[in-house]
Amino acid sequence: MLALPDLRKALDGRTQPHHRFLLERILAHIDFLETSLQEIQQQIQQRLRPFEEAMTLLMSIPGIQETAAAAILAEIGTDMSRFPTAKHLASWAGVCPGHNQSGGKIRSGATRSGNPHLKGVLAEVVWAISHTKNNYLSAQYHRLARRRGKQKAVVAVSHSVLVIIYHLLQDKEPYTDLGTDYFDKLDVKRVERHHIRRLEQLGYTVTLTPNQGA
């Protein structure tokens, strides 16, 4: 990096008075923009004070920072009684993939247009989540991205995040992560149910006894 004296030498013989005038105007404009941004940020902080509890709740979810939390609250508010269920909120937002999501599985189906501003913020949140580790939402994203592609994974995890937000705001409780191994446990249960059902169809009565050494 050049030191200030070196930068001054670099300008010698190349900068005319009209250049300096234009540079002064550019720097003045940059100062104006920086001051304006600070004033806007102060206004945002002031208006967010009544929503500190809701902000804290949302930021307990991996991938949601202050800016994203504020943008989400600006779109959905804090009163979840306006939506009968989390499904209604997801449908209104347009992140309910064909109304066919269950247990981490996504069946084919189109999403409605919904709220483009909220969908954009949620997509950014999911992108941040995809770069985290050791949490349920990240595991869900990567599991679905491998099977269905990144775009469908973003919609599915956006749906999950919004459902979580609904319950956090409704129950006033911070997010509790299900763990990165949630889907592995889910697969074990699914295999158990499948084989039990098959044996029962063959006329057996099945009782499972866990291996104590497992």
Protein backbone atom coordinates (compact mmCIF):
# COMPACT_ATOMS: atom_id res chain seq x y z
CA MET A 1 0.00 0.00 0.00
CA LEU A 2 1.36 3.42 -0.97
CA ALA A 3 2.00 5.96 1.76
CA LEU A 4 0.37 9.39 1.59
CA PRO A 5 3.58 11.19 0.41
CA ASP A 6 3.90 8.65 -2.43
CA LEU A 7 0.29 9.23 -3.44
CA ARG A 8 0.92 12.98 -3.51
CA LYS A 9 3.93 12.47 -5.77
CA ALA A 10 1.85 10.27 -8.06
CA LEU A 11 -0.56 13.18 -8.57
CA ASP A 12 2.13 15.74 -9.39
CA GLY A 13 2.02 16.86 -12.99
CA ARG A 14 -1.18 14.91 -13.75
CA THR A 15 -3.89 16.74 -11.86
CA GLN A 16 -5.17 20.04 -13.22
CA PRO A 17 -7.28 22.56 -11.24
CA HIS A 18 -10.51 21.29 -12.82
CA HIS A 19 -9.56 17.74 -11.82
CA ARG A 20 -9.08 18.86 -8.23
CA PHE A 21 -12.44 20.61 -8.30
CA LEU A 22 -14.17 17.44 -9.50
CA LEU A 23 -12.35 15.32 -6.92
CA GLU A 24 -13.48 17.71 -4.17
CA ARG A 25 -17.08 17.35 -5.37
CA ILE A 26 -16.80 13.55 -5.41
CA LEU A 27 -15.34 13.47 -1.89
CA ALA A 28 -18.04 15.87 -0.67
CA HIS A 29 -20.69 13.61 -2.17
CA ILE A 30 -19.16 10.57 -0.47
CA ASP A 31 -19.17 12.43 2.86
CA PHE A 32 -22.82 13.36 2.31
CA LEU A 33 -23.79 9.75 1.58
CA GLU A 34 -21.93 8.45 4.63
CA THR A 35 -23.62 11.02 6.86
CA SER A 36 -27.03 10.18 5.38
CA LEU A 37 -26.47 6.46 5.93
CA GLN A 38 -25.54 7.08 9.57
CA GLU A 39 -28.68 9.16 10.10
CA ILE A 40 -30.86 6.51 8.46
CA GLN A 41 -29.24 3.80 10.58
CA GLN A 42 -29.92 5.82 13.73
CA GLN A 43 -33.58 6.17 12.72
CA ILE A 44 -33.83 2.42 12.10
CA GLN A 45 -32.27 1.64 15.48
CA GLN A 46 -34.66 4.02 17.20
CA ARG A 47 -37.72 2.50 15.54
CA LEU A 48 -36.55 -1.03 16.35
CA ARG A 49 -36.36 -0.43 20.10
CA PRO A 50 -39.98 -1.52 20.75
CA PHE A 51 -39.18 -4.79 18.97
CA GLU A 52 -36.02 -5.75 20.84
CA GLU A 53 -37.57 -8.97 22.19
CA ALA A 54 -38.72 -10.07 18.74
CA MET A 55 -35.34 -9.19 17.24
CA THR A 56 -33.57 -11.29 19.87
CA LEU A 57 -35.89 -14.23 19.21
CA LEU A 58 -35.28 -14.15 15.47
CA MET A 59 -31.51 -13.79 15.87
CA SER A 60 -31.49 -17.00 17.94
CA ILE A 61 -31.94 -18.81 14.59
CA PRO A 62 -28.64 -19.62 12.81
CA GLY A 63 -28.07 -17.37 9.80
CA ILE A 64 -30.30 -14.50 10.95
CA GLN A 65 -28.45 -11.32 11.88
CA GLU A 66 -29.79 -7.91 12.85
CA THR A 67 -30.45 -6.61 9.33
CA ALA A 68 -32.29 -9.76 8.23
CA ALA A 69 -34.31 -9.87 11.47
CA ALA A 70 -35.40 -6.25 11.01
CA ALA A 71 -36.38 -6.87 7.38
CA ILE A 72 -38.43 -9.96 8.29
CA LEU A 73 -40.27 -8.15 11.09
CA ALA A 74 -40.97 -5.24 8.75
CA GLU A 75 -42.81 -7.65 6.44
CA ILE A 76 -44.68 -9.94 8.87
CA GLY A 77 -44.88 -7.88 12.08
CA THR A 78 -44.87 -9.49 15.51
CA ASP A 79 -48.57 -10.36 15.92
CA MET A 80 -48.92 -13.91 14.66
CA SER A 81 -52.63 -14.02 15.52
CA ARG A 82 -53.21 -12.57 12.04
CA PHE A 83 -52.23 -15.98 10.67
CA PRO A 84 -54.31 -18.94 11.95
CA THR A 85 -51.35 -21.31 11.56
CA ALA A 86 -47.73 -21.32 10.47
CA LYS A 87 -48.91 -22.90 7.22
CA HIS A 88 -51.05 -19.83 6.49
CA LEU A 89 -48.03 -17.56 7.01
CA ALA A 90 -45.84 -19.70 4.74
CA SER A 91 -48.54 -19.74 2.06
CA TRP A 92 -48.99 -15.97 2.29
CA ALA A 93 -45.23 -15.48 1.98
CA GLY A 94 -45.02 -17.81 -1.01
CA VAL A 95 -42.53 -20.26 0.51
CA CYS A 96 -44.86 -23.24 0.76
CA PRO A 97 -43.58 -25.57 -2.00
CA GLY A 98 -46.74 -27.02 -3.47
CA HIS A 99 -48.05 -27.51 0.08
CA ASN A 100 -46.24 -30.85 -0.09
CA GLN A 101 -43.41 -30.67 2.44
CA SER A 102 -43.20 -33.15 5.29
CA GLY A 103 -40.39 -34.62 7.36
CA GLY A 104 -37.69 -33.07 5.22
CA LYS A 105 -39.16 -34.46 1.99
CA ILE A 106 -40.17 -32.21 -0.89
CA ARG A 107 -42.64 -33.40 -3.48
CA SER A 108 -43.05 -31.61 -6.77
CA GLY A 109 -45.26 -28.54 -6.81
CA ALA A 110 -45.16 -24.86 -7.69
CA THR A 111 -44.96 -22.02 -5.19
CA ARG A 112 -47.20 -18.97 -5.31
CA SER A 113 -45.75 -15.52 -5.91
CA GLY A 114 -46.25 -14.43 -2.29
CA ASN A 115 -44.24 -11.59 -0.78
CA PRO A 116 -41.14 -11.03 -2.96
CA HIS A 117 -39.36 -8.88 -0.35
CA LEU A 118 -39.76 -11.50 2.37
CA LYS A 119 -38.81 -14.34 0.02
CA GLY A 120 -35.64 -12.47 -0.93
CA VAL A 121 -34.61 -11.97 2.68
CA LEU A 122 -35.34 -15.60 3.54
CA ALA A 123 -33.29 -16.76 0.56
CA GLU A 124 -30.33 -14.71 1.84
CA VAL A 125 -30.83 -16.21 5.30
CA VAL A 126 -30.80 -19.72 3.83
CA TRP A 127 -27.62 -18.92 1.92
CA ALA A 128 -26.02 -17.86 5.21
CA ILE A 129 -27.34 -21.02 6.88
CA SER A 130 -25.82 -23.17 4.14
CA HIS A 131 -22.38 -21.91 5.20
CA THR A 132 -22.88 -22.87 8.85
CA LYS A 133 -22.31 -26.25 10.44
CA ASN A 134 -23.62 -28.43 13.24
CA ASN A 135 -27.27 -27.35 13.15
CA TYR A 136 -30.57 -28.76 11.91
CA LEU A 137 -31.26 -26.14 9.24
CA SER A 138 -27.85 -26.51 7.62
CA ALA A 139 -28.27 -30.30 7.60
CA GLN A 140 -31.71 -29.90 6.03
CA TYR A 141 -30.37 -27.60 3.30
CA HIS A 142 -27.48 -29.87 2.29
CA ARG A 143 -29.65 -32.99 2.44
CA LEU A 144 -32.21 -31.47 0.09
CA ALA A 145 -29.64 -29.76 -2.15
CA ARG A 146 -28.06 -33.14 -2.88
CA ARG A 147 -31.41 -34.73 -3.69
CA ARG A 148 -33.44 -31.94 -5.26
CA GLY A 149 -31.02 -29.19 -6.19
CA LYS A 150 -30.12 -25.92 -4.54
CA GLN A 151 -33.16 -23.92 -5.71
CA LYS A 152 -35.68 -26.31 -4.20
CA ALA A 153 -33.56 -26.59 -1.08
CA VAL A 154 -33.68 -22.80 -0.64
CA VAL A 155 -37.49 -22.79 -0.89
CA ALA A 156 -37.82 -25.70 1.53
CA VAL A 157 -35.48 -24.26 4.15
CA SER A 158 -37.08 -20.80 3.73
CA HIS A 159 -40.35 -22.51 4.60
CA SER A 160 -38.77 -24.14 7.66
CA VAL A 161 -37.25 -20.86 8.83
CA LEU A 162 -40.56 -19.01 8.49
CA VAL A 163 -42.43 -21.74 10.39
CA ILE A 164 -39.82 -21.51 13.16
CA ILE A 165 -40.19 -17.71 13.23
CA TYR A 166 -43.97 -18.05 13.53
CA HIS A 167 -43.65 -20.25 16.62
CA LEU A 168 -40.89 -18.15 18.18
CA LEU A 169 -43.02 -14.99 17.94
CA GLN A 170 -46.13 -16.81 19.07
CA ASP A 171 -44.56 -18.63 22.03
CA LYS A 172 -41.98 -15.96 22.97
CA GLU A 173 -39.30 -18.64 23.28
CA PRO A 174 -35.86 -18.65 21.59
CA TYR A 175 -34.96 -21.21 18.97
CA THR A 176 -33.92 -24.69 20.13
CA ASP A 177 -31.95 -26.59 17.52
CA LEU A 178 -32.93 -30.18 16.71
CA GLY A 179 -29.32 -31.10 16.02
CA THR A 180 -27.34 -31.97 12.92
CA ASP A 181 -28.12 -35.71 13.35
CA TYR A 182 -31.91 -35.21 13.36
CA PHE A 183 -32.36 -36.60 9.84
CA ASP A 184 -30.10 -39.59 10.54
CA LYS A 185 -32.34 -40.49 13.48
CA LEU A 186 -35.38 -39.91 11.29
CA ASP A 187 -34.03 -42.36 8.73
CA VAL A 188 -33.52 -45.01 11.42
CA LYS A 189 -37.12 -44.65 12.57
CA ARG A 190 -38.36 -44.85 8.99
CA VAL A 191 -36.41 -48.07 8.37
CA GLU A 192 -37.76 -49.54 11.62
CA ARG A 193 -41.36 -48.75 10.66
CA HIS A 194 -40.89 -50.19 7.19
CA HIS A 195 -39.56 -53.56 8.40
CA ILE A 196 -42.04 -53.83 11.26
CA ARG A 197 -44.88 -53.28 8.83
CA ARG A 198 -43.49 -55.88 6.42
CA LEU A 199 -43.11 -58.49 9.18
CA GLU A 200 -46.61 -57.79 10.49
CA GLN A 201 -47.97 -58.33 6.97
CA LEU A 202 -46.33 -61.75 7.06
CA GLY A 203 -48.17 -62.58 10.29
CA TYR A 204 -45.47 -61.83 12.85
CA THR A 205 -45.83 -59.86 16.07
CA VAL A 206 -42.78 -57.66 16.35
CA THR A 207 -41.20 -56.35 19.54
CA LEU A 208 -38.03 -54.30 19.24
CA THR A 209 -35.39 -54.65 21.94
CA PRO A 210 -32.49 -52.16 21.72
CA ASN A 211 -29.00 -53.62 21.76
CA GLN A 212 -27.46 -52.54 25.04
CA GLY A 213 -24.03 -52.40 23.47
CA ALA A 214 -25.18 -50.10 20.64
